[in-house]
């Protein structure tokens, strides 16, 4: 039986190595909590009151898991990628039939 390249696996690879990391870096490319740079003026006395402290703590709590969510996404995609063969039977949905215009969008 003839085989063809698994284009779906290629899309998964691109997602885990480029798309997801690029999206993560577009949100925040640094160390620590992404809110820290946003709240630096507050922490240096720019808005000193209980509301500022509450706002800062709430924002830091909500942003603390953002970067980890991207790492989790890479893990999920990598698990799917690792289960895919490099080649699939001819006319398989993951081969040449894989909608490349979709698979290449946002990359």
Protein backbone atom coordinates (compact mmCIF):
# COMPACT_ATOMS: atom_id res chain seq x y z
CA UNK A 1 0.00 0.00 0.00
CA UNK A 2 1.32 3.45 -0.89
CA UNK A 3 2.05 5.91 1.87
CA UNK A 4 2.37 9.67 2.10
CA UNK A 5 3.83 12.14 4.57
CA UNK A 6 1.71 12.79 7.68
CA UNK A 7 0.92 16.50 7.24
CA UNK A 8 -1.16 16.52 10.42
CA UNK A 9 1.90 15.45 12.42
CA UNK A 10 3.82 18.30 10.80
CA UNK A 11 1.15 20.74 11.93
CA UNK A 12 1.33 19.41 15.48
CA UNK A 13 5.11 19.80 15.41
CA UNK A 14 4.82 23.39 14.23
CA UNK A 15 2.29 24.12 16.98
CA UNK A 16 4.48 22.76 19.76
CA UNK A 17 7.74 24.29 18.53
CA UNK A 18 6.59 27.63 17.10
CA UNK A 19 2.94 28.62 17.36
CA UNK A 20 2.35 28.05 21.07
CA UNK A 21 5.76 29.41 22.19
CA UNK A 22 5.32 32.47 19.95
CA UNK A 23 1.89 33.14 21.44
CA UNK A 24 3.32 32.77 24.94
CA UNK A 25 6.16 35.17 24.13
CA UNK A 26 3.71 37.67 22.62
CA UNK A 27 1.99 37.79 25.99
CA UNK A 28 5.12 37.87 28.13
CA UNK A 29 8.75 37.17 27.42
CA UNK A 30 10.52 37.20 30.74
CA UNK A 31 10.78 35.62 34.15
CA UNK A 32 8.33 35.74 37.02
CA UNK A 33 4.70 36.76 36.96
CA UNK A 34 3.59 38.71 33.86
CA UNK A 35 1.73 41.16 36.11
CA UNK A 36 4.92 42.27 37.86
CA UNK A 37 5.99 44.59 35.06
CA UNK A 38 2.47 45.99 34.78
CA UNK A 39 2.29 46.68 38.48
CA UNK A 40 5.77 48.15 38.99
CA UNK A 41 4.44 51.70 39.35
CA UNK A 42 1.95 50.55 41.96
CA UNK A 43 4.59 48.71 43.94
CA UNK A 44 6.83 51.79 43.94
CA UNK A 45 4.15 53.95 45.55
CA UNK A 46 2.28 55.23 42.50
CA UNK A 47 -1.05 54.22 43.98
CA UNK A 48 -0.74 53.53 47.70
CA UNK A 49 -3.96 52.36 49.32
CA UNK A 50 -5.81 49.21 50.27
CA UNK A 51 -7.56 49.14 46.87
CA UNK A 52 -4.21 49.17 45.08
CA UNK A 53 -2.92 46.32 47.21
CA UNK A 54 -6.10 44.32 46.64
CA UNK A 55 -6.00 45.02 42.88
CA UNK A 56 -2.32 44.03 42.68
CA UNK A 57 -2.81 40.82 44.60
CA UNK A 58 -5.87 39.86 42.56
CA UNK A 59 -4.13 40.55 39.25
CA UNK A 60 -1.00 38.63 40.27
CA UNK A 61 -3.15 35.70 41.35
CA UNK A 62 -5.00 35.62 38.04
CA UNK A 63 -1.86 35.95 35.91
CA UNK A 64 0.28 33.49 37.87
CA UNK A 65 -0.88 30.51 35.82
CA UNK A 66 -0.82 32.04 32.33
CA UNK A 67 2.67 30.88 31.36
CA UNK A 68 2.07 27.44 32.81
CA UNK A 69 -1.03 27.08 30.64
CA UNK A 70 1.12 27.52 27.53
CA UNK A 71 3.54 24.88 28.83
CA UNK A 72 0.57 22.56 29.43
CA UNK A 73 -0.61 23.17 25.86
CA UNK A 74 2.82 22.18 24.52
CA UNK A 75 2.66 19.00 26.60
CA UNK A 76 -0.79 18.09 25.24
CA UNK A 77 0.22 18.75 21.63
CA UNK A 78 3.49 16.85 22.10
CA UNK A 79 1.55 13.83 23.40
CA UNK A 80 -0.66 13.87 20.29
CA UNK A 81 2.41 14.37 18.04
CA UNK A 82 4.27 11.43 19.57
CA UNK A 83 1.37 9.07 18.77
CA UNK A 84 1.32 9.98 15.09
CA UNK A 85 3.27 7.99 12.49
CA UNK A 86 5.61 9.83 10.11
CA UNK A 87 3.73 8.41 7.14
CA UNK A 88 0.10 7.44 6.69
CA UNK A 89 -1.71 5.37 4.07
CA UNK A 90 -2.39 7.16 0.80
CA UNK A 91 -5.59 9.26 0.96
CA UNK A 92 -5.61 9.22 4.78
CA UNK A 93 -7.10 12.43 6.24
CA UNK A 94 -3.75 13.19 7.89
CA UNK A 95 -1.78 13.01 4.65
CA UNK A 96 -2.18 15.07 1.50
CA UNK A 97 -5.87 15.47 2.33
CA UNK A 98 -4.98 17.44 5.48
CA UNK A 99 -6.28 20.98 4.84
CA UNK A 100 -2.98 22.78 4.55
CA UNK A 101 -4.56 26.22 4.32
CA UNK A 102 -5.87 25.62 7.85
CA UNK A 103 -2.71 23.97 9.10
CA UNK A 104 -0.51 26.84 7.92
CA UNK A 105 -2.75 29.65 9.22
CA UNK A 106 -1.32 31.77 12.06
CA UNK A 107 2.14 30.29 11.71
